[in-house]
Amino acid sequence: MVFFPSISRTISSSVRKNVQTHYRKLRYMSNVPENTVYGGPKPQNPNQRVTLTSLRQKHKKGEPITMVTGYDYPSGVHIDMAGIDICLVGDSASMVVHGHDTTLPITLDEMLVHCRAVARGAKRPLLVGDLPFGTYESSTKQAVDTAVRVLKEGGMDAIKLEGGAPSRITAAKAIVEAGIAVMGHVGLTPQAISVLGGFRPQGRNVDSAVKVVETAMALQEVGCFSVVLECVPAPVAAAATSALQIPTIGIGAGPFCSGQVLVYHDLLGMMQHPHHAKVTPKFCKQFGQVGDVINKALLQYKEEVTNGSFPSSAHSPYKIGAADMDGFFSELQQLGFSDAASAAAAAAEKI
């Protein structure tokens, strides 16, 4: 009886050693390092990736949400580096990038190109892609199919749609029920300028103000996680923000929203072309004058190319050895390119 515990410990130790040896053999048999084998979803780190959960937490704490509209890889990288919460790939690319007077002409395929480019550059923000005009109004099936493409082909986390009409609210409901996060948009809805009579602020009389709040509430009811309020008086935006339990993102809607959004090009003061001046909203603050810097740089580039100071030897970095240069001269001479040989010799001497 006294020896049983000792025997038990001996057997147990032997079994453990055999199991460990067998485990090591299995590990070494694998041609994939152990720490790279897929082991299920990794836990989300709010410092690395903005999610709907982290946005809800921020909203609950009353912390302002930042959103910027970008359209390409460089803007995606800059938005990511700045720690912006949400990056919207907006159909305003139709105006800002493609030079149209409205958002209506841009196609879904064009939007998907912009979405993919932004997704390559912006790894931290929540990525939201706009559904362009004509891609979700006809039926709930069309709306869901379009939204699916924006996520699958565009690399977005969620979609945004303009929700002024009942049919669009129905579309939002169908997309949410399909398992896709939806951001709504009320107030000035650029896709509806045919009905609105142009880019006109909304909520400036009783009926219009009530409609802004009611439409925002309807979008919340069908499951939208957030609503953009565009070009409405600050008190109307404040009322909508108070009435809703989801975040409001203001653009030309005053300081009482849960967050703010501006277009990348607009806030940087990137473009001074008359067309862009025409489509840049007056509510936009320019936090930089990047356009002036760009224009100055291009003019300087033109001047230096014209006067021959660029490129200098400092910007002609690639060398050919003396022996190879002599052989190159000889080959040119044999080929009958005497002038070319002389030009190469003069260039080598100058550099």
Protein backbone atom coordinates (compact mmCIF):
# COMPACT_ATOMS: atom_id res chain seq x y z
CA MET A 1 0.00 0.00 0.00
CA VAL A 2 2.85 2.34 0.77
CA PHE A 3 4.35 1.87 -2.70
CA PHE A 4 1.18 2.63 -4.70
CA PRO A 5 1.52 6.45 -4.64
CA SER A 6 5.14 6.17 -5.73
CA ILE A 7 4.23 3.77 -8.55
CA SER A 8 1.36 6.06 -9.56
CA ARG A 9 3.67 9.09 -9.72
CA THR A 10 6.21 7.11 -11.79
CA ILE A 11 3.54 6.00 -14.30
CA SER A 12 2.07 9.50 -14.46
CA SER A 13 5.50 11.03 -15.10
CA SER A 14 6.19 8.50 -17.85
CA VAL A 15 2.85 9.19 -19.53
CA ARG A 16 3.48 12.96 -19.41
CA LYS A 17 6.91 12.54 -21.00
CA ASN A 18 5.46 10.31 -23.77
CA VAL A 19 2.67 12.81 -24.46
CA GLN A 20 5.14 15.73 -24.58
CA THR A 21 7.43 13.79 -26.92
CA HIS A 22 4.51 12.87 -29.16
CA TYR A 23 3.31 16.51 -29.18
CA ARG A 24 6.78 17.75 -30.15
CA LYS A 25 6.90 15.23 -33.00
CA LEU A 26 3.52 16.41 -34.23
CA ARG A 27 4.70 20.02 -34.11
CA TYR A 28 7.84 19.26 -36.08
CA MET A 29 5.85 17.27 -38.64
CA SER A 30 3.88 20.42 -39.50
CA ASN A 31 5.34 22.58 -42.25
CA VAL A 32 3.57 25.65 -40.77
CA PRO A 33 4.97 27.26 -37.61
CA GLU A 34 2.67 26.63 -34.65
CA ASN A 35 1.99 30.32 -33.96
CA THR A 36 0.75 30.92 -37.50
CA VAL A 37 -1.80 28.11 -37.62
CA TYR A 38 -5.32 29.58 -37.71
CA GLY A 39 -6.92 29.29 -34.30
CA GLY A 40 -10.21 31.14 -34.74
CA PRO A 41 -11.06 34.84 -34.69
CA LYS A 42 -8.61 37.08 -32.88
CA PRO A 43 -10.06 39.39 -30.20
CA GLN A 44 -10.68 42.92 -31.44
CA ASN A 45 -8.29 45.52 -30.09
CA PRO A 46 -10.00 48.93 -30.03
CA ASN A 47 -6.59 50.59 -30.33
CA GLN A 48 -6.02 48.81 -33.63
CA ARG A 49 -9.46 48.62 -35.23
CA VAL A 50 -12.60 50.70 -34.82
CA THR A 51 -15.73 48.56 -34.63
CA LEU A 52 -19.42 49.23 -34.10
CA THR A 53 -18.91 48.15 -30.49
CA SER A 54 -16.13 50.68 -29.90
CA LEU A 55 -18.23 53.40 -31.56
CA ARG A 56 -21.19 52.60 -29.30
CA GLN A 57 -18.92 52.75 -26.27
CA LYS A 58 -17.56 56.11 -27.39
CA HIS A 59 -21.07 57.44 -27.95
CA LYS A 60 -22.20 56.16 -24.56
CA LYS A 61 -19.34 58.04 -22.90
CA GLY A 62 -20.21 61.22 -24.81
CA GLU A 63 -16.88 61.26 -26.66
CA PRO A 64 -17.06 63.00 -30.09
CA ILE A 65 -16.73 60.72 -33.14
CA THR A 66 -14.48 61.79 -36.02
CA MET A 67 -15.21 60.90 -39.63
CA VAL A 68 -13.46 61.92 -42.85
CA THR A 69 -14.53 61.24 -46.43
CA GLY A 70 -11.68 59.91 -48.57
CA TYR A 71 -11.49 58.36 -52.01
CA ASP A 72 -8.06 56.77 -52.58
CA TYR A 73 -5.08 55.00 -51.06
CA PRO A 74 -3.09 58.11 -50.00
CA SER A 75 -6.09 59.66 -48.26
CA GLY A 76 -6.81 56.31 -46.60
CA VAL A 77 -3.25 56.17 -45.26
CA HIS A 78 -3.43 59.74 -43.91
CA ILE A 79 -6.83 59.17 -42.30
CA ASP A 80 -5.49 55.98 -40.71
CA MET A 81 -2.35 57.67 -39.37
CA ALA A 82 -4.39 60.51 -37.86
CA GLY A 83 -6.47 58.04 -35.82
CA ILE A 84 -9.81 59.07 -37.37
CA ASP A 85 -12.68 56.85 -36.19
CA ILE A 86 -14.61 56.40 -39.46
CA CYS A 87 -13.51 56.69 -43.08
CA LEU A 88 -16.38 57.21 -45.49
CA VAL A 89 -15.83 56.44 -49.16
CA GLY A 90 -18.45 58.86 -50.41
CA ASP A 91 -20.27 59.18 -53.70
CA SER A 92 -19.11 62.81 -53.54
CA ALA A 93 -16.10 61.37 -55.38
CA SER A 94 -18.30 62.06 -58.40
CA MET A 95 -17.75 65.79 -57.80
CA VAL A 96 -14.41 65.99 -55.99
CA VAL A 97 -12.45 63.39 -57.97
CA HIS A 98 -14.33 62.94 -61.26
CA GLY A 99 -15.25 66.59 -61.81
CA HIS A 100 -19.04 66.25 -62.14
CA ASP A 101 -21.45 68.88 -60.86
CA THR A 102 -23.48 66.36 -58.82
CA THR A 103 -23.09 62.97 -57.16
CA LEU A 104 -25.49 61.31 -59.60
CA PRO A 105 -23.16 60.17 -62.43
CA ILE A 106 -20.80 57.93 -60.44
CA THR A 107 -21.35 54.19 -60.96
CA LEU A 108 -21.13 51.28 -58.56
CA ASP A 109 -18.06 49.90 -60.35
CA GLU A 110 -16.33 53.27 -59.98
CA MET A 111 -17.26 53.38 -56.29
CA LEU A 112 -15.85 49.89 -55.78
CA VAL A 113 -12.50 51.01 -57.19
CA HIS A 114 -12.42 53.88 -54.70
CA CYS A 115 -13.46 51.56 -51.85
CA ARG A 116 -10.71 49.03 -52.56
CA ALA A 117 -8.06 51.74 -52.78
CA VAL A 118 -9.10 53.28 -49.45
CA ALA A 119 -9.29 49.86 -47.78
CA ARG A 120 -5.65 49.18 -48.70
CA GLY A 121 -4.55 52.31 -46.90
CA ALA A 122 -6.91 52.62 -43.92
CA LYS A 123 -6.55 49.68 -41.53
CA ARG A 124 -7.76 51.25 -38.27
CA PRO A 125 -10.95 53.23 -39.07
CA LEU A 126 -14.38 51.73 -39.56
CA LEU A 127 -14.80 51.76 -43.35
CA VAL A 128 -18.17 52.86 -44.74
CA GLY A 129 -19.02 52.86 -48.46
CA ASP A 130 -21.74 54.96 -50.06
CA LEU A 131 -24.38 53.29 -52.22
CA PRO A 132 -24.45 55.41 -55.40
CA PHE A 133 -27.62 56.71 -57.00
CA GLY A 134 -29.52 54.08 -58.99
CA THR A 135 -28.13 51.05 -57.17
CA TYR A 136 -30.63 50.50 -54.33
CA GLU A 137 -33.90 52.32 -55.06
CA SER A 138 -35.64 49.80 -57.35
CA SER A 139 -36.14 46.95 -54.89
CA THR A 140 -34.92 45.52 -51.63
CA LYS A 141 -33.16 42.76 -53.61
CA GLN A 142 -31.25 45.36 -55.61
CA ALA A 143 -30.34 47.18 -52.39
CA VAL A 144 -29.06 44.05 -50.65
CA ASP A 145 -27.16 42.87 -53.73
CA THR A 146 -25.42 46.25 -54.02
CA ALA A 147 -24.57 46.36 -50.32
CA VAL A 148 -23.13 42.85 -50.47
CA ARG A 149 -20.84 43.90 -53.33
CA VAL A 150 -19.63 46.94 -51.41
CA LEU A 151 -18.53 44.68 -48.55
CA LYS A 152 -17.26 41.69 -50.55
CA GLU A 153 -15.65 43.53 -53.47
CA GLY A 154 -15.01 46.92 -51.90
CA GLY A 155 -13.57 45.77 -48.58
CA MET A 156 -15.91 47.98 -46.54
CA ASP A 157 -17.23 47.28 -43.04
CA ALA A 158 -20.60 49.00 -43.56
CA ILE A 159 -22.61 50.97 -46.11
CA LYS A 160 -24.27 54.38 -46.11
CA LEU A 161 -27.44 55.31 -47.93
CA GLU A 162 -29.59 58.41 -48.17
CA GLY A 163 -32.81 57.76 -46.30
CA GLY A 164 -35.23 60.53 -47.14
CA ALA A 165 -37.95 58.45 -48.84
CA PRO A 166 -39.93 55.50 -47.39
CA SER A 167 -38.53 53.18 -50.09
CA ARG A 168 -35.00 53.99 -48.99
CA ILE A 169 -35.86 53.31 -45.36
CA THR A 170 -37.26 49.96 -46.49
CA ALA A 171 -33.99 49.33 -48.33
CA ALA A 172 -32.03 50.14 -45.18
CA LYS A 173 -34.14 47.64 -43.21
CA ALA A 174 -33.55 44.89 -45.78
CA ILE A 175 -29.79 45.50 -45.78
CA VAL A 176 -29.62 45.41 -41.97
CA GLU A 177 -31.63 42.17 -41.95
CA ALA A 178 -29.12 40.76 -44.45
CA GLY A 179 -26.45 41.21 -41.79
CA ILE A 180 -24.85 44.42 -43.07
CA ALA A 181 -24.31 47.52 -40.92
CA VAL A 182 -26.02 50.64 -42.30
CA MET A 183 -25.37 54.33 -41.73
CA GLY A 184 -28.31 56.57 -42.63
CA HIS A 185 -28.24 60.07 -44.10
CA VAL A 186 -30.91 62.78 -43.72
CA GLY A 187 -31.25 66.53 -44.26
CA LEU A 188 -29.66 67.60 -47.51
CA THR A 189 -29.48 64.38 -49.49
CA PRO A 190 -27.45 65.14 -52.64
CA GLN A 191 -28.91 62.21 -54.59
CA ALA A 192 -32.36 63.84 -54.27
CA ILE A 193 -31.46 67.26 -55.68
CA SER A 194 -33.93 66.70 -58.51
CA VAL A 195 -36.71 66.75 -55.91
CA LEU A 196 -35.09 69.26 -53.56
CA GLY A 197 -34.42 71.72 -56.37
CA GLY A 198 -30.66 71.79 -55.88
CA PHE A 199 -28.23 71.67 -52.98
CA ARG A 200 -30.54 73.31 -50.46
CA PRO A 201 -30.36 73.18 -46.64
CA GLN A 202 -33.22 71.32 -44.96
CA GLY A 203 -35.05 71.76 -41.66
CA ARG A 204 -35.52 75.52 -42.03
CA ASN A 205 -39.28 75.50 -41.39
CA VAL A 206 -41.50 73.55 -39.02
CA ASP A 207 -42.53 70.77 -41.40
CA SER A 208 -39.02 70.29 -42.77
CA ALA A 209 -37.44 70.30 -39.30
CA VAL A 210 -39.91 67.72 -38.01
CA LYS A 211 -39.27 65.59 -41.10
CA VAL A 212 -35.53 65.56 -40.39
CA VAL A 213 -36.12 64.23 -36.87
CA GLU A 214 -38.80 61.74 -37.95
CA THR A 215 -36.68 60.38 -40.80
CA ALA A 216 -33.70 59.97 -38.50
CA MET A 217 -35.92 58.12 -36.02
CA ALA A 218 -37.24 55.87 -38.79
CA LEU A 219 -33.69 54.96 -39.82
CA GLN A 220 -32.89 54.10 -36.21
CA GLU A 221 -36.01 51.94 -36.01
CA VAL A 222 -34.91 49.81 -38.98
CA GLY A 223 -31.50 49.19 -37.40
CA CYS A 224 -29.09 51.88 -38.65
CA PHE A 225 -26.09 52.25 -36.34
CA SER A 226 -25.64 55.96 -37.06
CA VAL A 227 -27.17 58.84 -39.03
CA VAL A 228 -25.47 61.64 -40.95
CA LEU A 229 -27.21 65.01 -40.58
CA GLU A 230 -26.29 67.29 -43.48
CA CYS A 231 -26.99 71.01 -43.86
CA VAL A 232 -29.63 71.46 -41.18
CA PRO A 233 -29.87 74.21 -38.51
CA ALA A 234 -27.96 73.42 -35.32
CA PRO A 235 -31.12 73.33 -33.12
CA VAL A 236 -32.70 70.77 -35.45
CA ALA A 237 -29.56 68.64 -35.32
CA ALA A 238 -29.53 68.97 -31.52
CA ALA A 239 -33.14 67.78 -31.35
CA ALA A 240 -32.42 64.78 -33.56
CA THR A 241 -29.31 63.91 -31.56
CA SER A 242 -31.30 64.06 -28.32
CA ALA A 243 -34.16 61.98 -29.70
CA LEU A 244 -31.92 59.23 -31.08
CA GLN A 245 -30.10 56.53 -29.18
CA ILE A 246 -27.55 56.10 -31.99
CA PRO A 247 -24.78 58.57 -32.91
CA THR A 248 -25.42 61.48 -35.27
CA ILE A 249 -22.61 62.66 -37.53
CA GLY A 250 -22.95 66.28 -38.53
CA ILE A 251 -21.82 67.98 -41.72
CA GLY A 252 -22.92 71.58 -41.82
CA ALA A 253 -25.25 70.78 -38.91
CA GLY A 254 -23.61 72.62 -36.03
CA PRO A 255 -21.72 71.47 -32.93
CA PHE A 256 -24.44 69.46 -31.16
CA CYS A 257 -24.07 66.17 -33.05
CA SER A 258 -22.32 63.07 -31.72
CA GLY A 259 -19.53 63.56 -34.26
CA GLN A 260 -18.47 65.44 -37.37
CA VAL A 261 -17.49 64.60 -40.95
CA LEU A 262 -15.71 66.61 -43.64
CA VAL A 263 -14.29 65.73 -47.05
CA TYR A 264 -10.53 65.12 -47.08
CA HIS A 265 -9.86 67.53 -49.97
CA ASP A 266 -12.08 70.24 -48.46
CA LEU A 267 -10.62 70.27 -44.96
CA LEU A 268 -7.08 70.30 -46.34
CA GLY A 269 -7.77 73.24 -48.66
CA MET A 270 -6.39 71.05 -51.42
CA MET A 271 -8.07 72.44 -54.53
CA GLN A 272 -8.48 76.02 -55.69
CA HIS A 273 -9.83 75.27 -59.16
CA PRO A 274 -13.02 77.24 -59.94
CA HIS A 275 -15.00 74.00 -60.29
CA HIS A 276 -13.98 72.81 -56.86
CA ALA A 277 -14.62 76.23 -55.37
CA LYS A 278 -18.14 75.91 -56.74
CA VAL A 279 -18.78 72.55 -55.06
CA THR A 280 -16.94 73.23 -51.79
CA PRO A 281 -19.58 73.87 -49.11
CA LYS A 282 -19.41 77.11 -47.15
CA PHE A 283 -19.67 75.29 -43.82
CA CYS A 284 -16.27 73.66 -44.41
CA LYS A 285 -13.31 74.87 -42.38
CA GLN A 286 -9.94 74.55 -44.10
CA PHE A 287 -7.49 73.11 -41.60
CA GLY A 288 -4.66 73.43 -44.11
CA GLN A 289 -3.77 75.14 -47.37
CA VAL A 290 -2.39 72.12 -49.15
CA GLY A 291 -3.55 73.39 -52.53
CA ASP A 292 -1.29 76.44 -52.27
CA VAL A 293 1.67 74.20 -51.45
CA ILE A 294 0.86 71.91 -54.40
CA ASN A 295 0.55 74.82 -56.83
CA LYS A 296 3.82 76.35 -55.65
CA ALA A 297 5.64 73.03 -55.97
CA LEU A 298 4.33 72.42 -59.50
CA LEU A 299 5.31 75.92 -60.63
CA GLN A 300 8.80 75.46 -59.19
CA TYR A 301 9.09 72.06 -60.89
CA LYS A 302 8.10 73.59 -64.21
CA GLU A 303 10.62 76.41 -63.80
CA GLU A 304 13.53 74.12 -62.93
CA VAL A 305 12.82 71.75 -65.81
CA THR A 306 12.56 74.73 -68.16
CA ASN A 307 15.84 76.32 -67.04
CA GLY A 308 17.67 72.98 -66.87
CA SER A 309 18.46 72.98 -63.15
CA PHE A 310 16.45 69.79 -62.61
CA PRO A 311 17.50 67.06 -62.59
CA SER A 312 20.97 67.85 -61.30
CA SER A 313 23.67 65.28 -60.59
CA ALA A 314 22.14 64.84 -57.13
CA HIS A 315 18.97 63.56 -58.76
CA SER A 316 20.76 61.38 -61.34
CA PRO A 317 21.85 58.59 -58.98
CA TYR A 318 22.48 55.66 -61.32
CA LYS A 319 26.13 55.15 -62.38
CA ILE A 320 28.00 53.16 -65.00
CA GLY A 321 31.61 52.17 -64.41
CA ALA A 322 34.48 53.63 -66.47
CA ALA A 323 35.31 50.30 -68.12
CA ASP A 324 31.67 49.71 -69.08
CA MET A 325 31.46 53.28 -70.33
CA ASP A 326 34.44 52.74 -72.64
CA GLY A 327 32.87 49.54 -73.94
CA PHE A 328 29.56 51.35 -74.47
CA PHE A 329 31.34 54.06 -76.53
CA SER A 330 33.00 51.40 -78.66
CA GLU A 331 29.73 49.58 -79.31
CA LEU A 332 28.03 52.82 -80.30
CA GLN A 333 30.89 53.66 -82.68
CA GLN A 334 30.71 50.22 -84.30
CA LEU A 335 26.95 50.58 -84.71
CA GLY A 336 27.50 53.87 -86.51
CA PHE A 337 26.04 56.03 -83.72
CA SER A 338 28.92 58.50 -83.48
CA ASP A 339 26.71 61.39 -82.39
CA ALA A 340 25.16 59.22 -79.68
CA ALA A 341 28.64 58.24 -78.46
CA SER A 342 29.64 61.90 -78.30
CA ALA A 343 26.45 62.76 -76.39
CA ALA A 344 27.09 59.94 -73.89
CA ALA A 345 30.70 61.09 -73.39
CA ALA A 346 29.63 64.70 -72.82
CA ALA A 347 26.96 63.61 -70.33
CA ALA A 348 29.44 61.40 -68.44
CA GLU A 349 31.89 64.28 -68.18
CA LYS A 350 29.23 66.70 -66.99
CA ILE A 351 27.80 64.35 -64.36
